[in-house]
N, C-alpha and C. Protein backbone atom coordinates (compact mmCIF):
# COMPACT_ATOMS: atom_id res chain seq x y z
N MET A 1 32.66 23.84 -49.90
CA MET A 1 31.86 22.74 -50.46
C MET A 1 30.81 23.28 -51.31
N LYS A 2 30.69 22.80 -52.54
CA LYS A 2 29.64 23.21 -53.54
C LYS A 2 28.75 22.02 -53.74
N VAL A 3 27.43 22.33 -53.61
CA VAL A 3 26.49 21.29 -53.81
C VAL A 3 25.46 21.71 -54.83
N SER A 4 25.10 20.95 -55.82
CA SER A 4 24.08 21.34 -56.82
C SER A 4 23.05 20.24 -56.85
N GLY A 5 21.83 20.53 -57.16
CA GLY A 5 20.80 19.60 -57.26
C GLY A 5 20.16 19.36 -56.00
N ASP A 6 19.15 18.42 -55.91
CA ASP A 6 18.44 18.07 -54.71
C ASP A 6 19.37 17.24 -53.77
N PHE A 7 19.27 17.49 -52.50
CA PHE A 7 20.05 16.64 -51.59
C PHE A 7 19.30 16.70 -50.19
N THR A 8 19.68 15.71 -49.45
CA THR A 8 19.18 15.51 -48.08
C THR A 8 20.32 15.69 -47.14
N LEU A 9 20.06 16.60 -46.15
CA LEU A 9 21.13 16.84 -45.24
C LEU A 9 20.63 16.25 -43.81
N TYR A 10 21.49 15.41 -43.24
CA TYR A 10 21.20 14.92 -41.95
C TYR A 10 22.19 15.45 -40.88
N ALA A 11 21.62 15.81 -39.67
CA ALA A 11 22.44 16.29 -38.66
C ALA A 11 22.15 15.49 -37.38
N VAL A 12 23.23 15.22 -36.75
CA VAL A 12 23.11 14.35 -35.55
C VAL A 12 23.58 15.27 -34.41
N PHE A 13 22.72 15.44 -33.37
CA PHE A 13 23.01 16.27 -32.21
C PHE A 13 23.13 15.46 -30.95
N ALA A 14 24.06 15.68 -30.26
CA ALA A 14 24.26 14.88 -28.99
C ALA A 14 24.18 15.86 -27.83
N ARG A 15 23.45 15.47 -26.84
CA ARG A 15 23.31 16.30 -25.63
C ARG A 15 24.16 15.73 -24.57
N THR A 16 24.99 16.54 -24.09
CA THR A 16 25.96 16.21 -23.02
C THR A 16 25.25 16.42 -21.71
N LEU A 17 25.07 15.42 -20.93
CA LEU A 17 24.35 15.46 -19.58
C LEU A 17 25.44 15.67 -18.62
N ILE A 18 25.31 16.67 -17.85
CA ILE A 18 26.21 17.01 -16.82
C ILE A 18 25.69 16.50 -15.47
N THR A 19 26.39 15.50 -14.90
CA THR A 19 25.83 15.00 -13.60
C THR A 19 26.69 15.59 -12.37
N ASN A 20 25.99 15.60 -11.31
CA ASN A 20 26.69 16.04 -10.04
C ASN A 20 26.34 15.07 -8.92
N GLN A 21 27.12 14.92 -8.01
CA GLN A 21 26.96 14.05 -6.96
C GLN A 21 26.17 14.73 -5.80
N LEU A 22 25.08 14.12 -5.28
CA LEU A 22 24.29 14.61 -4.28
C LEU A 22 24.89 14.13 -2.93
N ASP A 23 25.17 15.06 -2.06
CA ASP A 23 25.64 14.65 -0.74
C ASP A 23 24.37 14.58 0.20
N LEU A 24 23.93 13.36 0.50
CA LEU A 24 22.74 13.18 1.24
C LEU A 24 23.01 12.49 2.52
N THR A 25 22.77 13.08 3.69
CA THR A 25 23.11 12.50 5.05
C THR A 25 21.87 12.44 5.93
N VAL A 26 21.94 11.69 6.91
CA VAL A 26 20.79 11.51 7.89
C VAL A 26 21.32 11.68 9.25
N SER A 27 20.73 12.59 10.04
CA SER A 27 21.11 12.82 11.45
C SER A 27 20.03 12.35 12.38
N GLY A 28 20.25 11.29 13.12
CA GLY A 28 19.25 10.77 14.01
C GLY A 28 18.69 9.46 13.44
N ALA A 29 17.62 8.96 14.03
CA ALA A 29 17.04 7.69 13.59
C ALA A 29 15.91 7.94 12.62
N GLY A 30 16.14 7.78 11.34
CA GLY A 30 15.19 7.89 10.30
C GLY A 30 15.85 7.51 9.03
N LYS A 31 15.11 7.66 7.94
CA LYS A 31 15.60 7.31 6.60
C LYS A 31 15.06 8.34 5.64
N VAL A 32 15.59 8.31 4.42
CA VAL A 32 15.13 9.12 3.28
C VAL A 32 14.74 8.23 2.12
N THR A 33 13.61 8.52 1.55
CA THR A 33 13.18 7.77 0.35
C THR A 33 13.28 8.87 -0.85
N ALA A 34 13.55 8.41 -2.03
CA ALA A 34 13.74 9.37 -3.21
C ALA A 34 13.07 8.80 -4.45
N ASN A 35 12.93 9.76 -5.41
CA ASN A 35 12.44 9.33 -6.68
C ASN A 35 13.54 9.13 -7.65
N PHE A 36 14.81 8.72 -7.20
CA PHE A 36 15.92 8.47 -8.06
C PHE A 36 16.79 7.38 -7.30
N ARG A 37 17.67 6.82 -8.09
CA ARG A 37 18.60 5.75 -7.55
C ARG A 37 20.00 6.38 -7.67
N GLY A 38 20.86 6.11 -6.66
CA GLY A 38 22.18 6.51 -6.64
C GLY A 38 22.25 7.94 -6.26
N ASN A 39 23.48 8.51 -6.38
CA ASN A 39 23.59 9.93 -5.98
C ASN A 39 24.26 10.76 -7.13
N GLU A 40 24.36 10.24 -8.39
CA GLU A 40 24.79 10.98 -9.49
C GLU A 40 23.44 11.48 -10.20
N LEU A 41 23.26 12.77 -10.09
CA LEU A 41 22.04 13.31 -10.55
C LEU A 41 22.35 14.31 -11.73
N ILE A 42 21.43 14.43 -12.66
CA ILE A 42 21.64 15.32 -13.79
C ILE A 42 21.41 16.79 -13.36
N GLN A 43 22.38 17.60 -13.60
CA GLN A 43 22.34 19.00 -13.25
C GLN A 43 21.13 19.63 -13.94
N GLY A 44 20.33 20.41 -13.24
CA GLY A 44 19.16 21.16 -13.73
C GLY A 44 17.89 20.37 -13.70
N ASN A 45 17.96 19.08 -13.45
CA ASN A 45 16.73 18.28 -13.37
C ASN A 45 16.15 18.37 -11.93
N SER A 46 14.85 18.25 -11.85
CA SER A 46 14.09 18.26 -10.53
C SER A 46 14.03 16.92 -9.91
N TYR A 47 14.21 16.80 -8.59
CA TYR A 47 14.13 15.56 -7.89
C TYR A 47 13.29 15.75 -6.59
N LYS A 48 12.84 14.66 -6.02
CA LYS A 48 12.10 14.63 -4.75
C LYS A 48 12.61 13.76 -3.80
N VAL A 49 12.73 14.13 -2.47
CA VAL A 49 13.11 13.23 -1.40
C VAL A 49 12.07 13.39 -0.29
N THR A 50 11.91 12.24 0.52
CA THR A 50 10.96 12.30 1.64
C THR A 50 11.57 11.73 2.83
N ALA A 51 11.43 12.50 4.01
CA ALA A 51 11.99 11.99 5.22
C ALA A 51 11.04 11.08 5.88
N VAL A 52 11.48 9.99 6.40
CA VAL A 52 10.70 8.98 7.10
C VAL A 52 11.28 8.78 8.50
N PRO A 53 10.56 9.30 9.59
CA PRO A 53 11.18 9.18 10.93
C PRO A 53 11.13 7.77 11.39
N GLY A 54 12.05 7.31 12.16
CA GLY A 54 12.11 5.97 12.73
C GLY A 54 11.07 5.97 13.98
N ALA A 55 10.86 4.79 14.46
CA ALA A 55 9.98 4.64 15.60
C ALA A 55 10.36 5.48 16.80
N GLY A 56 9.43 6.28 17.31
CA GLY A 56 9.72 7.10 18.44
C GLY A 56 10.49 8.41 18.07
N GLN A 57 10.58 8.75 16.87
CA GLN A 57 11.37 9.88 16.40
C GLN A 57 10.47 10.93 15.72
N LEU A 58 10.89 12.18 15.74
CA LEU A 58 10.28 13.28 15.08
C LEU A 58 11.24 13.88 14.00
N PHE A 59 10.68 14.25 12.87
CA PHE A 59 11.49 14.95 11.83
C PHE A 59 11.53 16.41 12.17
N THR A 60 12.75 16.99 12.30
CA THR A 60 12.90 18.44 12.58
C THR A 60 13.12 19.28 11.41
N GLY A 61 13.58 18.69 10.29
CA GLY A 61 13.73 19.50 9.07
C GLY A 61 14.89 19.07 8.24
N TRP A 62 14.97 19.72 7.10
CA TRP A 62 16.11 19.50 6.20
C TRP A 62 17.08 20.61 6.34
N SER A 63 18.38 20.36 6.30
CA SER A 63 19.42 21.40 6.31
C SER A 63 20.34 21.15 5.16
N GLY A 64 21.25 22.09 4.93
CA GLY A 64 22.16 21.93 3.83
C GLY A 64 21.90 23.03 2.77
N SER A 65 21.86 22.66 1.49
CA SER A 65 21.60 23.64 0.49
C SER A 65 20.23 24.33 0.52
N ILE A 66 19.28 23.54 1.08
CA ILE A 66 17.89 24.00 1.34
C ILE A 66 17.45 23.66 2.74
N SER A 67 16.79 24.67 3.37
CA SER A 67 16.18 24.52 4.69
C SER A 67 14.67 24.37 4.56
N SER A 68 14.08 23.37 5.19
CA SER A 68 12.63 23.19 5.12
C SER A 68 12.22 22.29 6.17
N THR A 69 10.97 22.40 6.65
CA THR A 69 10.42 21.45 7.68
C THR A 69 9.46 20.57 7.10
N ASN A 70 9.22 20.65 5.77
CA ASN A 70 8.30 19.68 5.11
C ASN A 70 8.89 18.33 5.00
N LEU A 71 8.05 17.28 5.20
CA LEU A 71 8.69 15.91 5.05
C LEU A 71 9.12 15.68 3.68
N THR A 72 8.34 16.12 2.66
CA THR A 72 8.75 15.88 1.28
C THR A 72 9.37 17.23 0.75
N LEU A 73 10.53 17.08 0.09
CA LEU A 73 11.26 18.17 -0.41
C LEU A 73 11.58 18.02 -1.94
N LYS A 74 11.17 18.97 -2.75
CA LYS A 74 11.47 18.99 -4.17
C LYS A 74 12.63 19.91 -4.36
N PHE A 75 13.65 19.52 -5.23
CA PHE A 75 14.77 20.40 -5.44
C PHE A 75 15.26 20.16 -6.90
N LYS A 76 16.02 21.22 -7.40
CA LYS A 76 16.70 21.16 -8.65
C LYS A 76 18.16 20.92 -8.38
N MET A 77 18.71 19.93 -9.04
CA MET A 77 20.14 19.60 -8.84
C MET A 77 21.08 20.59 -9.36
N GLU A 78 22.07 20.99 -8.46
CA GLU A 78 23.06 21.97 -8.75
C GLU A 78 24.43 21.46 -8.27
N PRO A 79 25.46 21.96 -8.81
CA PRO A 79 26.79 21.55 -8.33
C PRO A 79 26.94 21.73 -6.76
N GLY A 80 27.59 20.83 -6.09
CA GLY A 80 27.80 20.97 -4.68
C GLY A 80 26.53 20.94 -3.79
N PHE A 81 25.48 20.30 -4.38
CA PHE A 81 24.17 20.29 -3.62
C PHE A 81 24.25 19.27 -2.48
N SER A 82 23.82 19.70 -1.29
CA SER A 82 23.88 18.78 -0.09
C SER A 82 22.55 18.91 0.66
N LEU A 83 22.19 17.74 1.23
CA LEU A 83 20.91 17.77 2.03
C LEU A 83 21.14 16.91 3.23
N GLN A 84 20.56 17.24 4.40
CA GLN A 84 20.60 16.44 5.53
C GLN A 84 19.25 16.38 6.14
N ALA A 85 18.72 15.21 6.39
CA ALA A 85 17.46 15.00 7.10
C ALA A 85 17.76 14.89 8.61
N ASN A 86 17.09 15.64 9.41
CA ASN A 86 17.33 15.64 10.82
C ASN A 86 16.15 15.12 11.64
N PHE A 87 16.53 14.15 12.50
CA PHE A 87 15.56 13.47 13.34
C PHE A 87 15.92 13.63 14.81
N VAL A 88 14.96 13.71 15.71
CA VAL A 88 15.21 13.68 17.18
C VAL A 88 14.23 12.77 17.88
N PRO A 89 14.56 12.27 19.06
CA PRO A 89 13.62 11.44 19.83
C PRO A 89 12.38 12.27 20.10
N ASN A 90 11.16 11.60 20.11
CA ASN A 90 9.94 12.26 20.32
C ASN A 90 9.73 12.36 21.86
N PRO A 91 9.71 13.62 22.37
CA PRO A 91 9.47 13.76 23.83
C PRO A 91 8.03 13.51 24.25
N PHE A 92 7.13 13.40 23.32
CA PHE A 92 5.75 13.24 23.63
C PHE A 92 5.24 11.85 23.33
N LEU A 93 5.90 10.79 23.85
CA LEU A 93 5.50 9.44 23.56
C LEU A 93 4.15 9.13 24.32
N ALA A 94 3.39 8.33 23.56
CA ALA A 94 2.01 8.04 24.14
C ALA A 94 2.17 7.07 25.33
N VAL A 95 1.43 7.28 26.34
CA VAL A 95 1.46 6.51 27.57
C VAL A 95 0.07 5.84 27.73
N THR A 96 0.06 4.55 27.92
CA THR A 96 -1.26 3.87 28.03
C THR A 96 -1.89 4.20 29.42
N GLY A 97 -3.23 4.52 29.42
CA GLY A 97 -3.89 4.84 30.70
C GLY A 97 -5.32 5.25 30.38
N VAL A 98 -5.97 5.60 31.41
CA VAL A 98 -7.39 6.10 31.25
C VAL A 98 -7.34 7.63 31.54
N TYR A 99 -7.82 8.38 30.58
CA TYR A 99 -7.77 9.81 30.75
C TYR A 99 -9.16 10.38 30.59
N ASN A 100 -9.49 11.35 31.57
CA ASN A 100 -10.74 12.11 31.52
C ASN A 100 -10.54 13.54 31.41
N GLY A 101 -10.08 14.02 30.30
CA GLY A 101 -9.80 15.50 30.17
C GLY A 101 -8.60 15.82 30.99
N LEU A 102 -8.67 16.98 31.59
CA LEU A 102 -7.65 17.47 32.44
C LEU A 102 -7.66 17.04 33.87
N PHE A 103 -8.82 16.37 34.29
CA PHE A 103 -8.98 15.95 35.64
C PHE A 103 -8.91 14.49 35.74
N TYR A 104 -8.62 13.92 36.87
CA TYR A 104 -8.62 12.47 37.08
C TYR A 104 -9.14 12.15 38.50
N GLN A 105 -9.64 10.92 38.64
CA GLN A 105 -10.26 10.54 39.92
C GLN A 105 -9.28 10.45 41.06
N THR A 106 -9.61 11.11 42.05
CA THR A 106 -8.69 11.07 43.36
C THR A 106 -9.59 10.97 44.48
N ALA A 107 -9.04 11.02 45.72
CA ALA A 107 -9.88 10.95 46.92
C ALA A 107 -10.61 12.26 47.00
N THR A 108 -11.75 12.20 47.63
CA THR A 108 -12.62 13.48 47.72
C THR A 108 -11.95 14.42 48.63
N ARG A 109 -11.99 15.70 48.25
CA ARG A 109 -11.45 16.76 49.06
C ARG A 109 -12.57 17.57 49.62
N VAL A 110 -12.57 17.92 50.83
CA VAL A 110 -13.51 18.74 51.46
C VAL A 110 -13.00 20.10 51.78
N ILE A 111 -13.70 21.08 51.27
CA ILE A 111 -13.25 22.51 51.48
C ILE A 111 -14.20 23.18 52.35
N HIS A 112 -13.76 23.77 53.46
CA HIS A 112 -14.63 24.50 54.39
C HIS A 112 -14.57 25.93 54.11
N TYR A 113 -15.71 26.53 54.06
CA TYR A 113 -15.91 27.97 53.88
C TYR A 113 -16.20 28.66 55.27
N ALA A 114 -16.24 29.94 55.20
CA ALA A 114 -16.48 30.65 56.53
C ALA A 114 -17.98 30.41 57.01
N ARG A 115 -18.93 29.99 56.23
CA ARG A 115 -20.22 29.64 56.58
C ARG A 115 -20.40 28.14 56.92
N GLU A 116 -19.32 27.51 57.02
CA GLU A 116 -19.32 26.09 57.43
C GLU A 116 -20.01 25.24 56.35
N GLU A 117 -19.79 25.49 55.10
CA GLU A 117 -20.35 24.64 53.99
C GLU A 117 -19.23 23.82 53.45
N SER A 118 -19.57 22.75 52.90
CA SER A 118 -18.56 21.90 52.34
C SER A 118 -18.97 21.39 50.95
N GLN A 119 -17.98 21.24 50.06
CA GLN A 119 -18.27 20.68 48.74
C GLN A 119 -17.23 19.70 48.45
N SER A 120 -17.56 18.74 47.52
CA SER A 120 -16.65 17.75 47.13
C SER A 120 -16.19 18.00 45.66
N PHE A 121 -14.96 17.90 45.43
CA PHE A 121 -14.31 18.19 44.07
C PHE A 121 -13.53 16.89 43.66
N THR A 122 -13.62 16.62 42.39
CA THR A 122 -12.74 15.52 41.92
C THR A 122 -11.91 15.99 40.79
């Protein structure tokens, strides 16, 4: 092609976005919130997910393509990426009661020593 004189050249560039499917699962009673919708994510972009334990549950960590115990996880999408949020029942459930440190009120105990002294402990 031969061009002479002044001219304007226009170019149109198209970016092809490669998307990958995120395999996101939950083990136990909890849910995951995310800064995206759906599971088709653009390869190379960064995303964030947050684990939300259900009532009486503890979050034990993320497994899959990344392992972490942080509630919020940031990741970059790659082909074959998978995440699992893991939850277990909380063994330390709160119990209603009156607590006074490590000791609690009981009947008075009398301790006898060799010198016939006694003391009361609670």
